[in-house]
């Protein structure tokens, strides 16, 4: 038992030594925050534990050096007087504050080896944080305004992202909410979509409405809006023509096939008899039975109902400003209605499993042309959606 305690102590001491070495290595490499995170994590477990005493010393050293480094960085950035430094100054102050907040719950920390409490000099950064935050917000605001003044969709989108950053830091800052709406509106591509029927068939109104209902496409593109009707006051840079060029509907077809099925099946049983005609019995005196096998047959009549529609067309992208075609993509779909059923004459036992399945089917009315075109249009819609997503 004593040996087990020694082994356990040795293992814990080894782990503790490795942890201390790793933390000290972070300090020597200038990765002070890594060292602080690791040391505080250990001390949160038991700040009075002897094996964690070294972490108190390292934490004190790392905190002092990290604070000094950040203060020197801020002083340098302020001397440059460059508005673009506002972000780094603000987040450096946040780091200084966060470091103190991480250590404060652990205080006081008493080091047995140093024979004293660890020395952490905390600073009230409230005024500096507020001032640097305000400077950063002003810099972001001016950056967003500069983007919007360039008056291009790309720049409006950049302005929107900057304005979102402002809103995250300080909601309801100045007129940011209105500016975000303006940037989003002016950065959005409005696309006018036309459905053109160049066939001799009528496109069902339900299909046309469904194809042009872009809320059902699930495109979720923040910077693109598709309109089936031109809205007053909007500038449409891009147009898409969904052209139906051919709709071919086959006539209703009914075809019949006839098959003969034959099977050898069990049909009861007979008693086994000897040559004299006597029933043969087993060792217990029971009559011996043998299966009676007979040949059965049936005639199967299989009927197939068929009707097909082929819809073909194209999707054409156009530059509405320059009035020229940008690209074109073929679009086609075939929808086939098919129903197969069967009847039979003869012995049902002769039927195959597939025959039995078809016998359970029934003839159904053929769909009308409008329904056929609509069903094919559902596939057209999915293909159209894929073209929109890729382009």
Protein backbone atom coordinates (compact mmCIF):
# COMPACT_ATOMS: atom_id res chain seq x y z
CA UNK A 1 0.00 0.00 0.00
CA UNK A 2 2.83 2.39 0.85
CA UNK A 3 4.43 1.71 -2.53
CA UNK A 4 1.15 2.64 -4.25
CA UNK A 5 1.09 6.03 -2.51
CA UNK A 6 4.68 6.66 -3.55
CA UNK A 7 3.87 5.82 -7.17
CA UNK A 8 0.81 8.07 -7.11
CA UNK A 9 2.78 10.96 -5.61
CA UNK A 10 5.54 10.49 -8.18
CA UNK A 11 3.00 10.55 -11.03
CA UNK A 12 1.30 13.69 -9.70
CA UNK A 13 4.65 15.40 -9.18
CA UNK A 14 5.68 14.53 -12.73
CA UNK A 15 2.45 15.93 -14.16
CA UNK A 16 2.80 19.08 -12.07
CA UNK A 17 6.41 19.58 -13.18
CA UNK A 18 5.45 19.19 -16.83
CA UNK A 19 2.65 21.71 -16.40
CA UNK A 20 4.99 24.23 -14.76
CA UNK A 21 7.58 23.79 -17.50
CA UNK A 22 4.95 24.33 -20.17
CA UNK A 23 3.63 27.47 -18.47
CA UNK A 24 7.17 28.84 -17.97
CA UNK A 25 7.92 28.12 -21.62
CA UNK A 26 4.95 30.29 -22.66
CA UNK A 27 6.37 33.16 -20.58
CA UNK A 28 9.86 32.80 -22.05
CA UNK A 29 8.34 32.83 -25.57
CA UNK A 30 6.33 35.96 -24.85
CA UNK A 31 2.98 34.09 -24.95
CA UNK A 32 1.89 35.70 -21.70
CA UNK A 33 -1.85 35.16 -22.08
CA UNK A 34 -1.31 31.46 -22.76
CA UNK A 35 0.71 31.25 -19.55
CA UNK A 36 -1.96 33.17 -17.62
CA UNK A 37 -4.76 30.94 -18.92
CA UNK A 38 -2.90 27.76 -18.00
CA UNK A 39 -1.85 29.02 -14.56
CA UNK A 40 -5.33 30.26 -13.60
CA UNK A 41 -6.84 26.99 -14.78
CA UNK A 42 -4.56 25.08 -12.38
CA UNK A 43 -5.14 27.47 -9.49
CA UNK A 44 -8.92 27.33 -9.91
CA UNK A 45 -8.72 23.66 -8.91
CA UNK A 46 -6.98 24.36 -5.58
CA UNK A 47 -5.00 27.57 -5.17
CA UNK A 48 -3.60 26.33 -1.83
CA UNK A 49 -2.21 23.07 -3.21
CA UNK A 50 1.55 22.78 -2.86
CA UNK A 51 2.03 21.42 -6.37
CA UNK A 52 0.44 24.58 -7.81
CA UNK A 53 2.66 27.03 -5.87
CA UNK A 54 4.98 27.51 -8.85
CA UNK A 55 2.00 28.64 -10.95
CA UNK A 56 1.42 31.56 -8.58
CA UNK A 57 4.92 32.84 -9.26
CA UNK A 58 4.56 32.35 -13.00
CA UNK A 59 1.13 34.05 -12.99
CA UNK A 60 2.58 37.10 -11.24
CA UNK A 61 5.42 37.33 -13.75
CA UNK A 62 3.24 36.75 -16.82
CA UNK A 63 0.63 39.30 -15.69
CA UNK A 64 3.24 42.00 -15.11
CA UNK A 65 4.91 41.41 -18.48
CA UNK A 66 1.62 41.20 -20.41
CA UNK A 67 0.40 44.43 -18.84
CA UNK A 68 3.65 46.22 -19.60
CA UNK A 69 3.64 44.98 -23.20
CA UNK A 70 0.03 46.11 -23.80
CA UNK A 71 0.65 49.54 -22.24
CA UNK A 72 3.68 50.08 -24.48
CA UNK A 73 1.66 48.99 -27.52
CA UNK A 74 -1.15 51.45 -26.68
CA UNK A 75 1.29 54.30 -26.12
CA UNK A 76 2.90 53.65 -29.51
CA UNK A 77 -0.44 53.42 -31.34
CA UNK A 78 -1.66 56.65 -29.78
CA UNK A 79 1.50 58.50 -30.82
CA UNK A 80 0.92 57.45 -34.44
CA UNK A 81 -2.44 59.27 -34.39
CA UNK A 82 -3.77 56.99 -37.11
CA UNK A 83 -7.57 56.48 -37.01
CA UNK A 84 -7.09 52.90 -38.20
CA UNK A 85 -5.35 52.13 -34.89
CA UNK A 86 -8.59 52.74 -32.97
CA UNK A 87 -9.67 49.10 -33.22
CA UNK A 88 -6.40 47.71 -31.88
CA UNK A 89 -6.31 50.25 -29.04
CA UNK A 90 -9.87 49.40 -27.99
CA UNK A 91 -9.34 45.64 -28.05
CA UNK A 92 -6.02 45.95 -26.21
CA UNK A 93 -7.83 47.75 -23.39
CA UNK A 94 -10.39 44.94 -23.42
CA UNK A 95 -7.52 42.45 -23.05
CA UNK A 96 -6.11 44.38 -20.11
CA UNK A 97 -9.51 44.38 -18.43
CA UNK A 98 -10.24 40.71 -19.19
CA UNK A 99 -6.88 39.64 -17.76
CA UNK A 100 -7.67 41.33 -14.45
CA UNK A 101 -11.19 39.85 -14.39
CA UNK A 102 -9.70 36.39 -14.85
CA UNK A 103 -7.30 36.71 -11.92
CA UNK A 104 -9.41 38.75 -9.48
CA UNK A 105 -11.62 35.83 -8.24
CA UNK A 106 -8.46 33.92 -7.20
CA UNK A 107 -7.08 36.64 -4.94
CA UNK A 108 -5.42 36.57 -2.52
CA UNK A 109 -2.80 34.14 -3.78
CA UNK A 110 -0.16 33.20 -1.20
CA UNK A 111 3.06 31.59 -2.40
CA UNK A 112 4.80 29.31 0.09
CA UNK A 113 8.05 29.47 -1.83
CA UNK A 114 8.06 33.29 -2.06
CA UNK A 115 6.76 33.57 1.49
CA UNK A 116 4.30 36.31 0.53
CA UNK A 117 1.14 37.12 -1.37
CA UNK A 118 1.49 37.48 -5.11
CA UNK A 119 1.51 41.12 -6.16
CA UNK A 120 -1.05 42.14 -8.77
CA UNK A 121 -1.50 45.83 -9.41
CA UNK A 122 -4.92 46.31 -10.97
CA UNK A 123 -5.91 49.42 -12.89
CA UNK A 124 -9.32 50.95 -13.46
CA UNK A 125 -9.61 51.05 -17.26
CA UNK A 126 -13.21 52.33 -17.35
CA UNK A 127 -12.35 55.80 -18.68
CA UNK A 128 -9.81 54.46 -21.21
CA UNK A 129 -12.24 51.75 -22.38
CA UNK A 130 -15.06 54.23 -22.93
CA UNK A 131 -12.79 56.69 -24.75
CA UNK A 132 -11.19 54.03 -26.97
CA UNK A 133 -14.59 52.49 -27.68
CA UNK A 134 -15.96 55.85 -28.77
CA UNK A 135 -12.90 56.48 -30.96
CA UNK A 136 -13.28 53.05 -32.52
CA UNK A 137 -16.99 53.59 -33.19
CA UNK A 138 -16.26 56.94 -34.82
CA UNK A 139 -13.58 55.34 -37.00
CA UNK A 140 -15.97 52.57 -38.06
CA UNK A 141 -18.72 55.10 -38.76
CA UNK A 142 -16.44 57.17 -40.98
CA UNK A 143 -15.28 54.00 -42.75
CA UNK A 144 -18.89 53.02 -43.49
CA UNK A 145 -19.71 56.52 -44.78
CA UNK A 146 -16.64 56.43 -47.04
CA UNK A 147 -17.75 53.09 -48.52
CA UNK A 148 -21.26 54.40 -49.19
CA UNK A 149 -19.96 57.54 -50.87
CA UNK A 150 -18.21 55.37 -53.48
CA UNK A 151 -21.71 54.41 -54.64
CA UNK A 152 -21.11 50.86 -55.91
CA UNK A 153 -22.91 47.66 -54.90
CA UNK A 154 -19.66 46.13 -53.70
CA UNK A 155 -18.91 49.12 -51.48
CA UNK A 156 -22.46 49.27 -50.12
CA UNK A 157 -22.07 45.64 -49.05
CA UNK A 158 -18.76 46.47 -47.35
CA UNK A 159 -20.45 49.41 -45.63
CA UNK A 160 -23.23 47.12 -44.41
CA UNK A 161 -20.70 44.77 -42.77
CA UNK A 162 -18.98 47.69 -41.02
CA UNK A 163 -22.33 49.04 -39.81
CA UNK A 164 -23.19 45.60 -38.42
CA UNK A 165 -19.93 45.65 -36.48
CA UNK A 166 -20.92 49.03 -35.02
CA UNK A 167 -24.30 47.65 -34.01
CA UNK A 168 -22.65 44.71 -32.23
CA UNK A 169 -20.38 47.03 -30.24
CA UNK A 170 -23.05 49.63 -29.45
CA UNK A 171 -26.67 49.11 -30.53
CA UNK A 172 -28.62 52.19 -31.67
CA UNK A 173 -25.46 54.18 -32.32
CA UNK A 174 -26.31 57.41 -34.14
CA UNK A 175 -28.22 56.67 -37.39
CA UNK A 176 -26.60 53.30 -38.00
CA UNK A 177 -29.95 51.48 -38.19
CA UNK A 178 -31.12 53.65 -41.09
CA UNK A 179 -27.74 53.52 -42.79
CA UNK A 180 -27.81 49.71 -42.62
CA UNK A 181 -31.17 49.66 -44.37
CA UNK A 182 -29.88 52.02 -47.06
CA UNK A 183 -26.67 50.02 -47.56
CA UNK A 184 -28.58 46.76 -47.83
CA UNK A 185 -31.07 48.20 -50.32
CA UNK A 186 -28.40 49.81 -52.50
CA UNK A 187 -26.12 46.77 -52.29
CA UNK A 188 -28.84 44.35 -53.37
CA UNK A 189 -29.06 42.96 -56.90
CA UNK A 190 -32.65 43.07 -58.06
CA UNK A 191 -33.30 40.46 -60.72
CA UNK A 192 -36.32 40.63 -63.01
CA UNK A 193 -37.56 37.17 -64.03
CA UNK A 194 -39.85 36.65 -67.01
CA UNK A 195 -41.61 33.43 -67.96
CA UNK A 196 -42.09 33.15 -71.72
CA UNK A 197 -44.24 30.53 -73.41
CA UNK A 198 -43.03 29.87 -76.97
CA UNK A 199 -44.99 26.62 -77.33
CA UNK A 200 -48.42 25.87 -78.75
CA UNK A 201 -49.56 24.54 -75.38
CA UNK A 202 -51.14 26.37 -72.47
CA UNK A 203 -48.96 26.55 -69.35
CA UNK A 204 -51.18 25.98 -66.31
CA UNK A 205 -51.64 29.14 -64.28
CA UNK A 206 -50.91 27.15 -61.12
CA UNK A 207 -47.51 26.11 -62.55
CA UNK A 208 -46.66 29.64 -63.66
CA UNK A 209 -47.51 31.00 -60.21
CA UNK A 210 -45.47 28.26 -58.54
CA UNK A 211 -42.42 28.80 -60.74
CA UNK A 212 -42.40 32.53 -60.03
CA UNK A 213 -42.94 32.23 -56.28
CA UNK A 214 -39.33 32.63 -55.23
CA UNK A 215 -40.19 32.37 -51.54
CA UNK A 216 -40.58 28.61 -52.10
CA UNK A 217 -37.09 28.17 -53.58
CA UNK A 218 -35.21 28.48 -50.30
CA UNK A 219 -32.39 30.45 -51.97
CA UNK A 220 -31.64 32.57 -48.85
CA UNK A 221 -29.32 34.99 -50.66
CA UNK A 222 -29.10 38.17 -48.62
CA UNK A 223 -27.90 40.29 -51.54
CA UNK A 224 -30.21 39.07 -54.33
CA UNK A 225 -33.94 39.57 -54.77
CA UNK A 226 -35.90 37.94 -57.58
CA UNK A 227 -38.99 39.74 -58.84
CA UNK A 228 -41.60 38.36 -61.22
CA UNK A 229 -43.13 41.84 -61.63
CA UNK A 230 -41.26 45.08 -62.17
CA UNK A 231 -41.54 47.38 -59.16
CA UNK A 232 -41.58 51.13 -59.61
CA UNK A 233 -38.44 52.90 -58.43
CA UNK A 234 -36.17 49.84 -58.62
CA UNK A 235 -33.24 49.54 -61.00
CA UNK A 236 -32.92 46.04 -62.42
CA UNK A 237 -29.39 45.30 -63.59
CA UNK A 238 -29.99 41.64 -64.33
CA UNK A 239 -32.81 39.85 -66.09
CA UNK A 240 -33.60 36.15 -66.34
CA UNK A 241 -35.86 34.67 -69.00
CA UNK A 242 -37.39 31.31 -68.25
CA UNK A 243 -38.33 30.18 -71.73
CA UNK A 244 -40.66 27.26 -72.49
CA UNK A 245 -39.87 26.25 -76.06
CA UNK A 246 -41.56 22.88 -76.41
CA UNK A 247 -44.26 20.89 -74.65
CA UNK A 248 -44.88 17.48 -76.20
CA UNK A 249 -47.69 15.35 -74.78
CA UNK A 250 -48.10 11.80 -75.97
CA UNK A 251 -51.56 10.28 -76.53
CA UNK A 252 -53.00 7.99 -73.91
CA UNK A 253 -51.78 4.46 -74.59
CA UNK A 254 -53.13 1.15 -73.33
CA UNK A 255 -51.25 -2.05 -74.11
CA UNK A 256 -52.16 -5.62 -73.22
CA UNK A 257 -50.03 -8.71 -72.81
CA UNK A 258 -51.09 -12.25 -72.14
CA UNK A 259 -49.07 -14.96 -70.37
CA UNK A 260 -49.69 -18.56 -69.44
CA UNK A 261 -48.48 -19.61 -66.00
CA UNK A 262 -47.95 -23.24 -64.98
CA UNK A 263 -46.93 -24.58 -61.61
CA UNK A 264 -46.70 -27.92 -59.82
CA UNK A 265 -48.37 -27.45 -56.44
CA UNK A 266 -49.27 -29.52 -53.41
CA UNK A 267 -52.94 -30.45 -53.37
CA UNK A 268 -53.60 -32.38 -50.20
CA UNK A 269 -52.15 -35.80 -49.46
CA UNK A 270 -52.64 -39.54 -50.01
CA UNK A 271 -51.82 -42.59 -47.91
CA UNK A 272 -48.85 -44.64 -48.89
CA UNK A 273 -49.85 -48.16 -49.88
CA UNK A 274 -47.95 -51.36 -50.50
CA UNK A 275 -48.22 -53.52 -53.60
CA UNK A 276 -51.24 -55.27 -52.16
CA UNK A 277 -53.04 -51.93 -51.74
CA UNK A 278 -52.78 -51.86 -47.97
CA UNK A 279 -51.99 -48.61 -46.11
CA UNK A 280 -48.40 -48.50 -44.93
CA UNK A 281 -47.99 -47.61 -41.28
CA UNK A 282 -45.02 -46.26 -39.35
CA UNK A 283 -43.44 -47.81 -36.24
CA UNK A 284 -46.15 -46.26 -34.03
CA UNK A 285 -48.92 -47.65 -36.18
CA UNK A 286 -49.90 -44.34 -37.77
CA UNK A 287 -50.78 -44.22 -41.50
CA UNK A 288 -47.93 -42.86 -43.64
CA UNK A 289 -48.94 -39.79 -45.69
CA UNK A 290 -47.48 -38.56 -48.99
CA UNK A 291 -48.05 -35.15 -50.65
CA UNK A 292 -50.36 -35.08 -53.64
CA UNK A 293 -48.69 -32.95 -56.39
CA UNK A 294 -50.77 -31.66 -59.30
CA UNK A 295 -50.22 -29.39 -62.30
CA UNK A 296 -52.14 -26.08 -62.30
CA UNK A 297 -52.28 -23.29 -64.86
CA UNK A 298 -53.66 -19.78 -65.33
CA UNK A 299 -53.79 -17.17 -68.05
CA UNK A 300 -52.62 -13.72 -66.92
CA UNK A 301 -53.70 -10.54 -68.75
CA UNK A 302 -51.37 -7.58 -67.99
CA UNK A 303 -52.53 -4.09 -68.97
CA UNK A 304 -50.28 -1.02 -69.02
CA UNK A 305 -51.55 2.56 -69.10
CA UNK A 306 -49.00 5.14 -70.33
CA UNK A 307 -48.88 8.84 -71.01
CA UNK A 308 -45.82 11.11 -71.21
CA UNK A 309 -44.99 14.79 -71.43
CA UNK A 310 -41.69 16.37 -72.44
CA UNK A 311 -41.07 20.00 -71.48
CA UNK A 312 -38.04 21.74 -72.97
CA UNK A 313 -36.72 25.25 -72.69
CA UNK A 314 -33.87 27.43 -71.53
CA UNK A 315 -32.80 29.89 -68.86
CA UNK A 316 -31.25 33.05 -70.30
CA UNK A 317 -29.30 35.59 -68.21
CA UNK A 318 -29.32 39.16 -69.55
CA UNK A 319 -27.54 42.39 -68.72
CA UNK A 320 -30.46 44.83 -68.75
CA UNK A 321 -28.24 47.92 -68.77
CA UNK A 322 -26.21 46.90 -71.80
CA UNK A 323 -29.11 44.96 -73.31
CA UNK A 324 -27.10 41.86 -74.08
CA UNK A 325 -27.24 38.18 -73.27
CA UNK A 326 -24.80 36.96 -70.65
CA UNK A 327 -25.39 33.22 -70.57
CA UNK A 328 -27.87 30.50 -71.46
CA UNK A 329 -28.64 27.13 -69.89
CA UNK A 330 -30.81 24.32 -71.33
CA UNK A 331 -33.75 23.19 -69.26
CA UNK A 332 -35.83 20.09 -69.87
CA UNK A 333 -37.85 17.48 -68.03
CA UNK A 334 -39.88 14.42 -68.91
CA UNK A 335 -42.73 13.16 -66.81
CA UNK A 336 -44.20 9.71 -67.49
CA UNK A 337 -47.51 8.49 -66.11
CA UNK A 338 -47.62 4.70 -65.90
CA UNK A 339 -50.06 2.30 -64.31
CA UNK A 340 -49.90 -1.49 -64.66
CA UNK A 341 -52.57 -3.91 -63.47
CA UNK A 342 -53.55 -7.51 -64.20
CA UNK A 343 -56.44 -9.96 -64.30
CA UNK A 344 -56.33 -13.73 -64.67
CA UNK A 345 -58.32 -16.84 -65.52
CA UNK A 346 -57.55 -20.21 -64.08
CA UNK A 347 -55.99 -21.44 -60.88
CA UNK A 348 -54.64 -18.61 -58.71
CA UNK A 349 -51.96 -20.92 -57.36
CA UNK A 350 -50.19 -20.77 -60.72
CA UNK A 351 -49.52 -17.01 -60.36
CA UNK A 352 -46.08 -15.58 -59.57
CA UNK A 353 -45.52 -13.10 -56.74
CA UNK A 354 -45.36 -10.26 -59.31
CA UNK A 355 -48.62 -11.44 -60.87
CA UNK A 356 -50.31 -11.31 -57.48
CA UNK A 357 -49.05 -7.74 -56.91
CA UNK A 358 -50.41 -6.59 -60.26
CA UNK A 359 -53.72 -8.32 -59.71
CA UNK A 360 -54.20 -6.12 -56.64
CA UNK A 361 -53.81 -3.01 -58.82
CA UNK A 362 -56.73 -1.35 -60.57
CA UNK A 363 -57.13 0.81 -63.67
CA UNK A 364 -57.05 4.57 -62.92
CA UNK A 365 -58.15 7.61 -64.94
CA UNK A 366 -55.44 9.18 -67.12
CA UNK A 367 -54.26 12.60 -65.85
CA UNK A 368 -55.30 15.48 -68.09
CA UNK A 369 -52.75 17.48 -70.08
CA UNK A 370 -52.70 20.35 -67.60
CA UNK A 371 -51.85 18.02 -64.72
CA UNK A 372 -49.13 16.33 -66.77
CA UNK A 373 -47.49 19.67 -67.58
CA UNK A 374 -47.75 20.75 -63.94
CA UNK A 375 -46.10 17.51 -62.73
CA UNK A 376 -43.24 17.98 -65.21
CA UNK A 377 -43.00 21.59 -64.06
CA UNK A 378 -42.13 20.51 -60.52
CA UNK A 379 -38.93 18.97 -61.88
CA UNK A 380 -38.36 22.07 -64.03
CA UNK A 381 -38.62 24.18 -60.87
CA UNK A 382 -35.94 22.13 -59.10
CA UNK A 383 -33.62 22.36 -62.11
CA UNK A 384 -34.26 26.09 -62.36
CA UNK A 385 -33.40 26.45 -58.68
CA UNK A 386 -30.06 24.69 -59.21
CA UNK A 387 -29.22 27.05 -62.07
CA UNK A 388 -30.02 30.05 -59.83
CA UNK A 389 -27.84 28.69 -57.05
CA UNK A 390 -24.86 28.08 -59.32
CA UNK A 391 -25.08 31.39 -61.16
